[in-house]
Structure formats: C-alpha cells, structure tokens
PDB file of N, CA and C in Angstrom:
ATOM      1  N   UNK A   1     207.645 133.429 238.792  1.00  0.00           N
ATOM      2  CA  UNK A   1     207.236 132.165 239.350  1.00  0.00           C
ATOM      3  C   UNK A   1     208.443 131.687 240.112  1.00  0.00           C
ATOM      4  N   UNK A   2     208.172 131.050 241.279  1.00  0.00           N
ATOM      5  CA  UNK A   2     209.209 130.480 242.161  1.00  0.00           C
ATOM      6  C   UNK A   2     208.825 129.020 242.302  1.00  0.00           C
ATOM      7  N   UNK A   3     209.772 128.170 242.453  1.00  0.00           N
ATOM      8  CA  UNK A   3     209.531 126.692 242.661  1.00  0.00           C
ATOM      9  C   UNK A   3     210.553 126.162 243.669  1.00  0.00           C
ATOM     10  N   UNK A   4     210.185 125.207 244.434  1.00  0.00           N
ATOM     11  CA  UNK A   4     211.110 124.486 245.198  1.00  0.00           C
ATOM     12  C   UNK A   4     210.489 123.059 245.535  1.00  0.00           C
ATOM     13  N   UNK A   5     211.307 122.105 245.889  1.00  0.00           N
ATOM     14  CA  UNK A   5     210.901 120.777 246.193  1.00  0.00           C
ATOM     15  C   UNK A   5     211.317 120.380 247.515  1.00  0.00           C
ATOM     16  N   UNK A   6     210.499 119.674 248.204  1.00  0.00           N
ATOM     17  CA  UNK A   6     210.818 119.207 249.610  1.00  0.00           C
ATOM     18  C   UNK A   6     210.268 117.659 249.713  1.00  0.00           C
ATOM     19  N   UNK A   7     211.211 116.935 250.376  1.00  0.00           N
ATOM     20  CA  UNK A   7     210.867 115.481 250.557  1.00  0.00           C
ATOM     21  C   UNK A   7     210.302 115.316 252.011  1.00  0.00           C
ATOM     22  N   UNK A   8     209.136 114.781 252.172  1.00  0.00           N
ATOM     23  CA  UNK A   8     208.547 114.678 253.522  1.00  0.00           C
ATOM     24  C   UNK A   8     209.324 113.534 254.171  1.00  0.00           C
ATOM     25  N   UNK A   9     209.836 113.842 255.351  1.00  0.00           N
ATOM     26  CA  UNK A   9     210.596 112.801 255.984  1.00  0.00           C
ATOM     27  C   UNK A   9     210.205 112.583 257.503  1.00  0.00           C
ATOM     28  N   UNK A  10     209.050 113.239 257.895  1.00  0.00           N
ATOM     29  CA  UNK A  10     208.500 112.932 259.258  1.00  0.00           C
ATOM     30  C   UNK A  10     207.763 111.567 259.211  1.00  0.00           C
ATOM     31  N   UNK A  11     207.727 110.942 260.244  1.00  0.00           N
ATOM     32  CA  UNK A  11     207.166 109.549 260.386  1.00  0.00           C
ATOM     33  C   UNK A  11     205.738 109.535 259.967  1.00  0.00           C
ATOM     34  N   UNK A  12     204.953 110.463 260.443  1.00  0.00           N
ATOM     35  CA  UNK A  12     203.464 110.395 260.158  1.00  0.00           C
ATOM     36  C   UNK A  12     203.070 111.150 258.850  1.00  0.00           C
ATOM     37  N   UNK A  13     203.952 111.645 258.021  1.00  0.00           N
ATOM     38  CA  UNK A  13     203.674 112.348 256.815  1.00  0.00           C
ATOM     39  C   UNK A  13     202.896 113.591 257.079  1.00  0.00           C
ATOM     40  N   UNK A  14     202.227 114.080 256.083  1.00  0.00           N
ATOM     41  CA  UNK A  14     201.504 115.367 256.113  1.00  0.00           C
ATOM     42  C   UNK A  14     200.001 115.106 256.564  1.00  0.00           C
ATOM     43  N   UNK A  15     199.844 114.799 257.812  1.00  0.00           N
ATOM     44  CA  UNK A  15     198.576 114.486 258.444  1.00  0.00           C
ATOM     45  C   UNK A  15     197.877 115.867 258.770  1.00  0.00           C
ATOM     46  N   UNK A  16     196.770 115.801 259.423  1.00  0.00           N
ATOM     47  CA  UNK A  16     195.896 116.889 259.561  1.00  0.00           C
ATOM     48  C   UNK A  16     196.511 118.184 260.283  1.00  0.00           C
ATOM     49  N   UNK A  17     197.275 117.958 261.316  1.00  0.00           N
ATOM     50  CA  UNK A  17     197.875 119.143 262.056  1.00  0.00           C
ATOM     51  C   UNK A  17     198.862 119.796 261.109  1.00  0.00           C
ATOM     52  N   UNK A  18     199.902 119.112 260.552  1.00  0.00           N
ATOM     53  CA  UNK A  18     200.863 119.928 259.793  1.00  0.00           C
ATOM     54  C   UNK A  18     200.249 120.464 258.504  1.00  0.00           C
ATOM     55  N   UNK A  19     199.258 119.684 257.997  1.00  0.00           N
ATOM     56  CA  UNK A  19     198.525 120.141 256.756  1.00  0.00           C
ATOM     57  C   UNK A  19     197.813 121.539 257.043  1.00  0.00           C
ATOM     58  N   UNK A  20     197.155 121.560 258.167  1.00  0.00           N
ATOM     59  CA  UNK A  20     196.448 122.818 258.560  1.00  0.00           C
ATOM     60  C   UNK A  20     197.433 123.909 258.790  1.00  0.00           C
ATOM     61  N   UNK A  21     198.583 123.709 259.429  1.00  0.00           N
ATOM     62  CA  UNK A  21     199.566 124.774 259.644  1.00  0.00           C
ATOM     63  C   UNK A  21     200.171 125.190 258.318  1.00  0.00           C
ATOM     64  N   UNK A  22     200.371 124.244 257.393  1.00  0.00           N
ATOM     65  CA  UNK A  22     200.868 124.568 256.105  1.00  0.00           C
ATOM     66  C   UNK A  22     199.916 125.457 255.356  1.00  0.00           C
ATOM     67  N   UNK A  23     198.625 125.094 255.400  1.00  0.00           N
ATOM     68  CA  UNK A  23     197.605 125.900 254.776  1.00  0.00           C
ATOM     69  C   UNK A  23     197.477 127.320 255.334  1.00  0.00           C
ATOM     70  N   UNK A  24     197.601 127.405 256.636  1.00  0.00           N
ATOM     71  CA  UNK A  24     197.609 128.694 257.293  1.00  0.00           C
ATOM     72  C   UNK A  24     198.750 129.533 256.882  1.00  0.00           C
ATOM     73  N   UNK A  25     199.905 128.927 256.763  1.00  0.00           N
ATOM     74  CA  UNK A  25     201.105 129.572 256.342  1.00  0.00           C
ATOM     75  C   UNK A  25     200.879 130.159 254.917  1.00  0.00           C
ATOM     76  N   UNK A  26     200.321 129.444 254.045  1.00  0.00           N
ATOM     77  CA  UNK A  26     200.180 129.737 252.634  1.00  0.00           C
ATOM     78  C   UNK A  26     199.168 130.900 252.503  1.00  0.00           C
ATOM     79  N   UNK A  27     198.109 130.812 253.411  1.00  0.00           N
ATOM     80  CA  UNK A  27     196.953 131.800 253.291  1.00  0.00           C
ATOM     81  C   UNK A  27     197.476 133.212 253.642  1.00  0.00           C
ATOM     82  N   UNK A  28     198.601 133.428 254.286  1.00  0.00           N
ATOM     83  CA  UNK A  28     199.144 134.717 254.532  1.00  0.00           C
ATOM     84  C   UNK A  28     199.641 135.455 253.260  1.00  0.00           C
ATOM     85  N   UNK A  29     199.723 134.799 252.092  1.00  0.00           N
ATOM     86  CA  UNK A  29     200.265 135.433 250.916  1.00  0.00           C
ATOM     87  C   UNK A  29     199.184 135.583 249.904  1.00  0.00           C
ATOM     88  N   UNK A  30     199.361 136.579 249.032  1.00  0.00           N
ATOM     89  CA  UNK A  30     198.459 136.809 247.879  1.00  0.00           C
ATOM     90  C   UNK A  30     198.722 135.896 246.771  1.00  0.00           C
ATOM     91  N   UNK A  31     199.941 135.400 246.621  1.00  0.00           N
ATOM     92  CA  UNK A  31     200.363 134.593 245.472  1.00  0.00           C
ATOM     93  C   UNK A  31     199.529 133.276 245.445  1.00  0.00           C
ATOM     94  N   UNK A  32     199.475 132.749 244.214  1.00  0.00           N
ATOM     95  CA  UNK A  32     198.911 131.399 244.023  1.00  0.00           C
ATOM     96  C   UNK A  32     199.925 130.414 244.428  1.00  0.00           C
ATOM     97  N   UNK A  33     199.545 129.438 245.220  1.00  0.00           N
ATOM     98  CA  UNK A  33     200.549 128.446 245.718  1.00  0.00           C
ATOM     99  C   UNK A  33     199.993 126.989 245.463  1.00  0.00           C
ATOM    100  N   UNK A  34     200.554 126.278 244.686  1.00  0.00           N
ATOM    101  CA  UNK A  34     200.215 124.915 244.296  1.00  0.00           C
ATOM    102  C   UNK A  34     201.228 123.973 244.834  1.00  0.00           C
ATOM    103  N   UNK A  35     200.800 122.805 245.221  1.00  0.00           N
ATOM    104  CA  UNK A  35     201.751 121.755 245.557  1.00  0.00           C
ATOM    105  C   UNK A  35     201.330 120.526 244.741  1.00  0.00           C
ATOM    106  N   UNK A  36     202.454 119.969 244.148  1.00  0.00           N
ATOM    107  CA  UNK A  36     202.231 118.814 243.290  1.00  0.00           C
ATOM    108  C   UNK A  36     203.051 117.661 243.871  1.00  0.00           C
ATOM    109  N   UNK A  37     202.428 116.468 243.788  1.00  0.00           N
ATOM    110  CA  UNK A  37     203.105 115.210 243.946  1.00  0.00           C
ATOM    111  C   UNK A  37     203.201 114.476 242.584  1.00  0.00           C
ATOM    112  N   UNK A  38     203.650 113.281 242.638  1.00  0.00           N
ATOM    113  CA  UNK A  38     203.733 112.543 241.385  1.00  0.00           C
ATOM    114  C   UNK A  38     202.307 112.318 240.756  1.00  0.00           C
ATOM    115  N   UNK A  39     201.309 112.213 241.696  1.00  0.00           N
ATOM    116  CA  UNK A  39     199.977 111.809 241.188  1.00  0.00           C
ATOM    117  C   UNK A  39     198.920 112.873 241.271  1.00  0.00           C
ATOM    118  N   UNK A  40     199.124 113.917 242.171  1.00  0.00           N
ATOM    119  CA  UNK A  40     198.070 114.931 242.422  1.00  0.00           C
ATOM    120  C   UNK A  40     198.613 116.291 242.561  1.00  0.00           C
ATOM    121  N   UNK A  41     197.638 117.204 242.457  1.00  0.00           N
ATOM    122  CA  UNK A  41     197.939 118.628 242.650  1.00  0.00           C
ATOM    123  C   UNK A  41     196.999 119.206 243.712  1.00  0.00           C
ATOM    124  N   UNK A  42     197.356 120.163 244.524  1.00  0.00           N
ATOM    125  CA  UNK A  42     196.647 120.748 245.538  1.00  0.00           C
ATOM    126  C   UNK A  42     196.824 122.222 245.672  1.00  0.00           C
ATOM    127  N   UNK A  43     195.806 123.014 246.074  1.00  0.00           N
ATOM    128  CA  UNK A  43     195.843 124.327 246.407  1.00  0.00           C
ATOM    129  C   UNK A  43     196.368 124.347 247.842  1.00  0.00           C
ATOM    130  N   UNK A  44     197.535 124.987 248.035  1.00  0.00           N
ATOM    131  CA  UNK A  44     198.135 124.967 249.347  1.00  0.00           C
ATOM    132  C   UNK A  44     197.416 125.796 250.389  1.00  0.00           C
ATOM    133  N   UNK A  45     196.428 126.587 249.958  1.00  0.00           N
ATOM    134  CA  UNK A  45     195.706 127.445 250.881  1.00  0.00           C
ATOM    135  C   UNK A  45     194.460 126.720 251.445  1.00  0.00           C
ATOM    136  N   UNK A  46     194.175 125.497 250.987  1.00  0.00           N
ATOM    137  CA  UNK A  46     192.943 124.821 251.293  1.00  0.00           C
ATOM    138  C   UNK A  46     193.317 123.500 252.028  1.00  0.00           C
ATOM    139  N   UNK A  47     192.988 123.425 253.250  1.00  0.00           N
ATOM    140  CA  UNK A  47     193.357 122.326 254.180  1.00  0.00           C
ATOM    141  C   UNK A  47     192.963 120.964 253.494  1.00  0.00           C
ATOM    142  N   UNK A  48     191.696 120.822 253.028  1.00  0.00           N
ATOM    143  CA  UNK A  48     191.337 119.484 252.484  1.00  0.00           C
ATOM    144  C   UNK A  48     192.015 119.158 251.187  1.00  0.00           C
ATOM    145  N   UNK A  49     192.337 120.175 250.438  1.00  0.00           N
ATOM    146  CA  UNK A  49     193.110 119.999 249.258  1.00  0.00           C
ATOM    147  C   UNK A  49     194.526 119.400 249.566  1.00  0.00           C
ATOM    148  N   UNK A  50     195.144 120.000 250.516  1.00  0.00           N
ATOM    149  CA  UNK A  50     196.458 119.587 251.004  1.00  0.00           C
ATOM    150  C   UNK A  50     196.446 118.204 251.565  1.00  0.00           C
ATOM    151  N   UNK A  51     195.486 117.828 252.331  1.00  0.00           N
ATOM    152  CA  UNK A  51     195.236 116.568 252.884  1.00  0.00           C
ATOM    153  C   UNK A  51     194.985 115.491 251.849  1.00  0.00           C
ATOM    154  N   UNK A  52     194.326 115.973 250.768  1.00  0.00           N
ATOM    155  CA  UNK A  52     194.001 114.961 249.668  1.00  0.00           C
ATOM    156  C   UNK A  52     195.178 114.440 248.941  1.00  0.00           C
ATOM    157  N   UNK A  53     196.407 115.183 249.170  1.00  0.00           N
ATOM    158  CA  UNK A  53     197.593 114.678 248.508  1.00  0.00           C
ATOM    159  C   UNK A  53     198.004 113.318 249.094  1.00  0.00           C
ATOM    160  N   UNK A  54     197.626 113.017 250.249  1.00  0.00           N
ATOM    161  CA  UNK A  54     198.007 111.749 250.947  1.00  0.00           C
ATOM    162  C   UNK A  54     199.508 111.602 251.061  1.00  0.00           C
ATOM    163  N   UNK A  55     200.176 112.727 251.342  1.00  0.00           N
ATOM    164  CA  UNK A  55     201.682 112.702 251.385  1.00  0.00           C
ATOM    165  C   UNK A  55     202.082 111.907 252.627  1.00  0.00           C
ATOM    166  N   UNK A  56     202.821 110.905 252.423  1.00  0.00           N
ATOM    167  CA  UNK A  56     203.412 110.107 253.551  1.00  0.00           C
ATOM    168  C   UNK A  56     204.944 110.339 253.534  1.00  0.00           C
ATOM    169  N   UNK A  57     205.603 109.702 254.476  1.00  0.00           N
ATOM    170  CA  UNK A  57     207.007 109.720 254.475  1.00  0.00           C
ATOM    171  C   UNK A  57     207.620 109.279 253.164  1.00  0.00           C
ATOM    172  N   UNK A  58     208.598 110.105 252.660  1.00  0.00           N
ATOM    173  CA  UNK A  58     209.207 109.817 251.390  1.00  0.00           C
ATOM    174  C   UNK A  58     208.431 110.463 250.151  1.00  0.00           C
ATOM    175  N   UNK A  59     207.339 111.125 250.310  1.00  0.00           N
ATOM    176  CA  UNK A  59     206.730 111.830 249.277  1.00  0.00           C
ATOM    177  C   UNK A  59     207.408 113.090 248.929  1.00  0.00           C
ATOM    178  N   UNK A  60     207.734 113.314 247.679  1.00  0.00           N
ATOM    179  CA  UNK A  60     208.306 114.642 247.198  1.00  0.00           C
ATOM    180  C   UNK A  60     207.258 115.653 246.978  1.00  0.00           C
ATOM    181  N   UNK A  61     207.167 116.768 247.591  1.00  0.00           N
ATOM    182  CA  UNK A  61     206.255 117.813 247.347  1.00  0.00           C
ATOM    183  C   UNK A  61     206.958 118.956 246.473  1.00  0.00           C
ATOM    184  N   UNK A  62     206.354 119.280 245.350  1.00  0.00           N
ATOM    185  CA  UNK A  62     206.883 120.307 244.456  1.00  0.00           C
ATOM    186  C   UNK A  62     205.937 121.596 244.713  1.00  0.00           C
ATOM    187  N   UNK A  63     206.522 122.645 245.112  1.00  0.00           N
ATOM    188  CA  UNK A  63     205.760 123.851 245.314  1.00  0.00           C
ATOM    189  C   UNK A  63     206.000 124.769 244.149  1.00  0.00           C
ATOM    190  N   UNK A  64     204.815 125.374 243.651  1.00  0.00           N
ATOM    191  CA  UNK A  64     204.842 126.335 242.555  1.00  0.00           C
ATOM    192  C   UNK A  64     204.109 127.568 243.041  1.00  0.00           C
ATOM    193  N   UNK A  65     204.821 128.711 243.072  1.00  0.00           N
ATOM    194  CA  UNK A  65     204.351 129.977 243.744  1.00  0.00           C
ATOM    195  C   UNK A  65     204.428 130.995 242.604  1.00  0.00           C
ATOM    196  N   UNK A  66     203.248 131.721 242.368  1.00  0.00           N
ATOM    197  CA  UNK A  66     203.221 132.770 241.372  1.00  0.00           C
ATOM    198  C   UNK A  66     202.377 133.900 241.974  1.00  0.00           C
ATOM    199  N   UNK A  67     203.046 135.163 241.935  1.00  0.00           N
ATOM    200  CA  UNK A  67     202.279 136.327 242.328  1.00  0.00           C
ATOM    201  C   UNK A  67     203.231 137.375 242.843  1.00  0.00           C
ATOM    202  N   UNK A  68     202.638 138.390 243.425  1.00  0.00           N
ATOM    203  CA  UNK A  68     203.432 139.571 243.795  1.00  0.00           C
ATOM    204  C   UNK A  68     204.313 139.306 244.945  1.00  0.00           C
ATOM    205  N   UNK A  69     203.918 138.492 245.830  1.00  0.00           N
ATOM    206  CA  UNK A  69     204.771 138.266 247.046  1.00  0.00           C
ATOM    207  C   UNK A  69     205.364 136.837 246.970  1.00  0.00           C
ATOM    208  N   UNK A  70     205.713 136.394 245.842  1.00  0.00           N
ATOM    209  CA  UNK A  70     206.197 135.018 245.616  1.00  0.00           C
ATOM    210  C   UNK A  70     207.482 134.722 246.380  1.00  0.00           C
ATOM    211  N   UNK A  71     208.452 135.656 246.379  1.00  0.00           N
ATOM    212  CA  UNK A  71     209.697 135.512 247.099  1.00  0.00           C
ATOM    213  C   UNK A  71     209.533 135.312 248.542  1.00  0.00           C
ATOM    214  N   UNK A  72     208.669 136.080 249.144  1.00  0.00           N
ATOM    215  CA  UNK A  72     208.393 136.001 250.616  1.00  0.00           C
ATOM    216  C   UNK A  72     207.692 134.622 250.897  1.00  0.00           C
ATOM    217  N   UNK A  73     206.732 134.266 250.009  1.00  0.00           N
ATOM    218  CA  UNK A  73     205.989 133.070 250.163  1.00  0.00           C
ATOM    219  C   UNK A  73     206.957 131.837 250.052  1.00  0.00           C
ATOM    220  N   UNK A  74     207.909 131.887 249.128  1.00  0.00           N
ATOM    221  CA  UNK A  74     208.808 130.719 249.012  1.00  0.00           C
ATOM    222  C   UNK A  74     209.699 130.604 250.219  1.00  0.00           C
ATOM    223  N   UNK A  75     210.180 131.689 250.759  1.00  0.00           N
ATOM    224  CA  UNK A  75     210.977 131.679 251.979  1.00  0.00           C
ATOM    225  C   UNK A  75     210.191 131.101 253.159  1.00  0.00           C
ATOM    226  N   UNK A  76     209.013 131.607 253.353  1.00  0.00           N
ATOM    227  CA  UNK A  76     208.108 131.161 254.471  1.00  0.00           C
ATOM    228  C   UNK A  76     207.784 129.664 254.356  1.00  0.00           C
ATOM    229  N   UNK A  77     207.418 129.199 253.197  1.00  0.00           N
ATOM    230  CA  UNK A  77     206.982 127.819 253.049  1.00  0.00           C
ATOM    231  C   UNK A  77     208.229 126.865 253.028  1.00  0.00           C
ATOM    232  N   UNK A  78     209.329 127.331 252.547  1.00  0.00           N
ATOM    233  CA  UNK A  78     210.590 126.460 252.689  1.00  0.00           C
ATOM    234  C   UNK A  78     210.976 126.350 254.097  1.00  0.00           C
ATOM    235  N   UNK A  79     210.862 127.464 254.820  1.00  0.00           N
ATOM    236  CA  UNK A  79     211.234 127.454 256.227  1.00  0.00           C
ATOM    237  C   UNK A  79     210.255 126.509 257.015  1.00  0.00           C
ATOM    238  N   UNK A  80     209.010 126.590 256.718  1.00  0.00           N
ATOM    239  CA  UNK A  80     207.981 125.807 257.284  1.00  0.00           C
ATOM    240  C   UNK A  80     208.320 124.283 257.045  1.00  0.00           C
ATOM    241  N   UNK A  81     208.576 123.952 255.797  1.00  0.00           N
ATOM    242  CA  UNK A  81     208.900 122.486 255.458  1.00  0.00           C
ATOM    243  C   UNK A  81     210.070 122.076 256.212  1.00  0.00           C
ATOM    244  N   UNK A  82     211.117 122.825 256.253  1.00  0.00           N
ATOM    245  CA  UNK A  82     212.332 122.408 256.987  1.00  0.00           C
ATOM    246  C   UNK A  82     212.098 122.206 258.425  1.00  0.00           C
ATOM    247  N   UNK A  83     211.259 123.060 259.095  1.00  0.00           N
ATOM    248  CA  UNK A  83     210.942 122.932 260.515  1.00  0.00           C
ATOM    249  C   UNK A  83     209.988 121.813 260.775  1.00  0.00           C
ATOM    250  N   UNK A  84     208.911 121.668 260.034  1.00  0.00           N
ATOM    251  CA  UNK A  84     207.810 120.694 260.380  1.00  0.00           C
ATOM    252  C   UNK A  84     207.720 119.417 259.532  1.00  0.00           C
ATOM    253  N   UNK A  85     208.381 119.370 258.445  1.00  0.00           N
ATOM    254  CA  UNK A  85     208.222 118.205 257.520  1.00  0.00           C
ATOM    255  C   UNK A  85     209.528 117.486 257.333  1.00  0.00           C
ATOM    256  N   UNK A  86     210.542 117.841 258.072  1.00  0.00           N
ATOM    257  CA  UNK A  86     211.819 117.208 257.862  1.00  0.00           C
ATOM    258  C   UNK A  86     212.201 116.330 258.918  1.00  0.00           C
TER     259      UNK A  86
END
C-alpha cells in the first residue's frame, strides 16, 4: 500500500476538467485508488465520485493506492497533482 497527501491550491479547486483528468490518470492503473478528504472518500477512477468530494482550494487530499502497480500509480498521481492542482 502506498499513500501520499496533496493540498489543493489552485483557485477553482477540483472542478470538472481537472477531476476528469485525474480520473483518467487513475484509470490507467490496475491498483485500487481511493481519495479521502476530512469528510468524504472517493474512487479516483470515477469522475462523479471525485467531483463529489467538493475539493476546493485548501482541501487536503489523501491518496491510498493498493495493488500490483501501486508504485507507478503513486508516481503518476503525485506528478499529476503537482502539475494540475498546485
């Protein structure tokens, strides 16, 4: 199991476009990928689930990745967050 945390710092938060891109990134991997906030949990591979988090600027996202390609998934998702949500 791999875990990392990322603070959303973009002005518009995790709205439809970046949520869709995040879900598409997650779908490339076989591992189970969950995102938790203080109040909710989402399946990172499902757009509506990710959008239901309601992550705005300042929301801390905690990623939990389990599976055969978890190391690669962690790297890809961490890079995605740094590029699109920072």
